[in-house]
């Protein structure tokens, strides 16, 4: 997913430079970082559980924080990506004939 967001950012940067639109494409890069952040949190938790070290769920027993890091961060990243894509590429749907 993060690779797709980066590719969309690169394509939108090219489109924005030719159409003189504001640099909203930065939102794709921010959303890709959020998705990667969620993956990193999951990997760190998996590694710490496998090594019998202090796991993320033991260090942060708060369920809300775990849900935000595991699911919320990637979900927010994808949501931002969809909003930015709609802003940049909605003219394709508006074209008729």
C-alpha atoms as a PDB file:
ATOM      1  CA  UNK A   1       0.000   0.000   0.000  1.00  0.00           C
ATOM      2  CA  UNK A   2       2.765   2.433   0.858  1.00  0.00           C
ATOM      3  CA  UNK A   3       4.471   1.805  -2.493  1.00  0.00           C
ATOM      4  CA  UNK A   4       1.200   2.643  -4.245  1.00  0.00           C
ATOM      5  CA  UNK A   5       0.911   5.865  -2.272  1.00  0.00           C
ATOM      6  CA  UNK A   6       4.458   6.878  -3.181  1.00  0.00           C
ATOM      7  CA  UNK A   7       3.809   6.145  -6.877  1.00  0.00           C
ATOM      8  CA  UNK A   8       0.613   8.198  -6.713  1.00  0.00           C
ATOM      9  CA  UNK A   9       2.628  11.000  -5.115  1.00  0.00           C
ATOM     10  CA  UNK A  10       5.166  10.930  -7.928  1.00  0.00           C
ATOM     11  CA  UNK A  11       2.463  10.913 -10.599  1.00  0.00           C
ATOM     12  CA  UNK A  12       0.578  13.707  -8.859  1.00  0.00           C
ATOM     13  CA  UNK A  13       3.744  15.782  -8.602  1.00  0.00           C
ATOM     14  CA  UNK A  14       4.154  15.545 -12.367  1.00  0.00           C
ATOM     15  CA  UNK A  15       0.497  16.400 -12.928  1.00  0.00           C
ATOM     16  CA  UNK A  16       0.664  19.299 -10.490  1.00  0.00           C
ATOM     17  CA  UNK A  17       3.739  20.764 -12.126  1.00  0.00           C
ATOM     18  CA  UNK A  18       2.044  20.790 -15.529  1.00  0.00           C
ATOM     19  CA  UNK A  19      -1.310  22.126 -14.319  1.00  0.00           C
ATOM     20  CA  UNK A  20       0.120  24.608 -11.790  1.00  0.00           C
ATOM     21  CA  UNK A  21      -1.891  23.207  -8.859  1.00  0.00           C
ATOM     22  CA  UNK A  22      -0.831  23.533  -5.216  1.00  0.00           C
ATOM     23  CA  UNK A  23       1.469  20.766  -3.931  1.00  0.00           C
ATOM     24  CA  UNK A  24      -1.202  18.573  -2.369  1.00  0.00           C
ATOM     25  CA  UNK A  25       0.808  15.541  -3.485  1.00  0.00           C
ATOM     26  CA  UNK A  26       2.800  15.816  -0.254  1.00  0.00           C
ATOM     27  CA  UNK A  27      -0.225  14.208   1.388  1.00  0.00           C
ATOM     28  CA  UNK A  28       0.578  10.981  -0.456  1.00  0.00           C
ATOM     29  CA  UNK A  29       4.046  10.903   1.091  1.00  0.00           C
ATOM     30  CA  UNK A  30       2.658  11.643   4.560  1.00  0.00           C
ATOM     31  CA  UNK A  31       0.084   8.878   4.197  1.00  0.00           C
ATOM     32  CA  UNK A  32       2.770   6.438   2.997  1.00  0.00           C
ATOM     33  CA  UNK A  33       4.796   7.236   6.113  1.00  0.00           C
ATOM     34  CA  UNK A  34       1.754   6.562   8.289  1.00  0.00           C
ATOM     35  CA  UNK A  35       1.200   3.178   6.671  1.00  0.00           C
ATOM     36  CA  UNK A  36       4.886   2.316   7.058  1.00  0.00           C
ATOM     37  CA  UNK A  37       4.714   3.468  10.683  1.00  0.00           C
ATOM     38  CA  UNK A  38       1.923   0.998  11.371  1.00  0.00           C
ATOM     39  CA  UNK A  39       3.938  -1.792   9.770  1.00  0.00           C
ATOM     40  CA  UNK A  40       7.017  -0.885  11.824  1.00  0.00           C
ATOM     41  CA  UNK A  41       5.005  -0.920  15.063  1.00  0.00           C
ATOM     42  CA  UNK A  42       3.649  -4.373  14.220  1.00  0.00           C
ATOM     43  CA  UNK A  43       7.113  -5.688  13.338  1.00  0.00           C
ATOM     44  CA  UNK A  44       8.652  -4.311  16.523  1.00  0.00           C
ATOM     45  CA  UNK A  45       5.912  -5.910  18.573  1.00  0.00           C
ATOM     46  CA  UNK A  46       6.358  -9.236  16.780  1.00  0.00           C
ATOM     47  CA  UNK A  47      10.138  -9.180  17.246  1.00  0.00           C
ATOM     48  CA  UNK A  48       9.877  -8.285  20.896  1.00  0.00           C
ATOM     49  CA  UNK A  49       7.369 -11.088  21.523  1.00  0.00           C
ATOM     50  CA  UNK A  50       9.598 -13.618  19.742  1.00  0.00           C
ATOM     51  CA  UNK A  51      12.649 -12.572  21.774  1.00  0.00           C
ATOM     52  CA  UNK A  52      10.714 -12.738  25.063  1.00  0.00           C
ATOM     53  CA  UNK A  53      11.532  -9.082  25.597  1.00  0.00           C
ATOM     54  CA  UNK A  54       9.134  -6.494  26.923  1.00  0.00           C
ATOM     55  CA  UNK A  55       6.438  -6.462  24.277  1.00  0.00           C
ATOM     56  CA  UNK A  56       4.552  -3.407  23.150  1.00  0.00           C
ATOM     57  CA  UNK A  57       1.375  -4.782  24.662  1.00  0.00           C
ATOM     58  CA  UNK A  58       3.142  -5.141  28.016  1.00  0.00           C
ATOM     59  CA  UNK A  59       4.797  -1.734  27.844  1.00  0.00           C
ATOM     60  CA  UNK A  60       1.539  -0.050  26.845  1.00  0.00           C
ATOM     61  CA  UNK A  61      -1.336  -1.967  28.399  1.00  0.00           C
ATOM     62  CA  UNK A  62      -3.724   0.725  27.243  1.00  0.00           C
ATOM     63  CA  UNK A  63      -5.885  -0.909  24.595  1.00  0.00           C
ATOM     64  CA  UNK A  64      -6.763   2.399  22.956  1.00  0.00           C
ATOM     65  CA  UNK A  65      -3.104   3.183  22.273  1.00  0.00           C
ATOM     66  CA  UNK A  66      -2.551  -0.247  20.756  1.00  0.00           C
ATOM     67  CA  UNK A  67      -5.558   0.109  18.503  1.00  0.00           C
ATOM     68  CA  UNK A  68      -4.406   3.557  17.386  1.00  0.00           C
ATOM     69  CA  UNK A  69      -0.897   2.353  16.598  1.00  0.00           C
ATOM     70  CA  UNK A  70      -1.854  -0.946  14.982  1.00  0.00           C
ATOM     71  CA  UNK A  71      -4.977  -0.010  13.061  1.00  0.00           C
ATOM     72  CA  UNK A  72      -5.513   3.722  13.350  1.00  0.00           C
ATOM     73  CA  UNK A  73      -2.223   4.895  11.886  1.00  0.00           C
ATOM     74  CA  UNK A  74      -2.507   2.905   8.640  1.00  0.00           C
ATOM     75  CA  UNK A  75      -6.232   3.665   8.390  1.00  0.00           C
ATOM     76  CA  UNK A  76      -5.585   7.384   8.743  1.00  0.00           C
ATOM     77  CA  UNK A  77      -2.827   7.157   6.147  1.00  0.00           C
ATOM     78  CA  UNK A  78      -5.091   5.438   3.627  1.00  0.00           C
ATOM     79  CA  UNK A  79      -7.867   7.945   4.323  1.00  0.00           C
ATOM     80  CA  UNK A  80      -5.531  10.868   3.687  1.00  0.00           C
ATOM     81  CA  UNK A  81      -4.364   9.168   0.494  1.00  0.00           C
ATOM     82  CA  UNK A  82      -7.940   8.769  -0.745  1.00  0.00           C
ATOM     83  CA  UNK A  83      -8.753  12.411   0.004  1.00  0.00           C
ATOM     84  CA  UNK A  84      -5.645  13.674  -1.777  1.00  0.00           C
ATOM     85  CA  UNK A  85      -6.288  11.362  -4.736  1.00  0.00           C
ATOM     86  CA  UNK A  86      -9.833  12.646  -5.019  1.00  0.00           C
ATOM     87  CA  UNK A  87      -8.567  16.234  -4.917  1.00  0.00           C
ATOM     88  CA  UNK A  88      -5.936  15.682  -7.599  1.00  0.00           C
ATOM     89  CA  UNK A  89      -7.605  13.209  -9.899  1.00  0.00           C
ATOM     90  CA  UNK A  90     -11.324  14.035  -9.696  1.00  0.00           C
ATOM     91  CA  UNK A  91     -11.127  15.893 -13.004  1.00  0.00           C
ATOM     92  CA  UNK A  92     -10.917  12.497 -14.725  1.00  0.00           C
ATOM     93  CA  UNK A  93     -14.423  11.670 -13.556  1.00  0.00           C
ATOM     94  CA  UNK A  94     -15.750  15.093 -14.494  1.00  0.00           C
ATOM     95  CA  UNK A  95     -14.656  14.809 -18.133  1.00  0.00           C
ATOM     96  CA  UNK A  96     -17.477  14.004 -20.514  1.00  0.00           C
ATOM     97  CA  UNK A  97     -17.390  12.996 -24.169  1.00  0.00           C
END
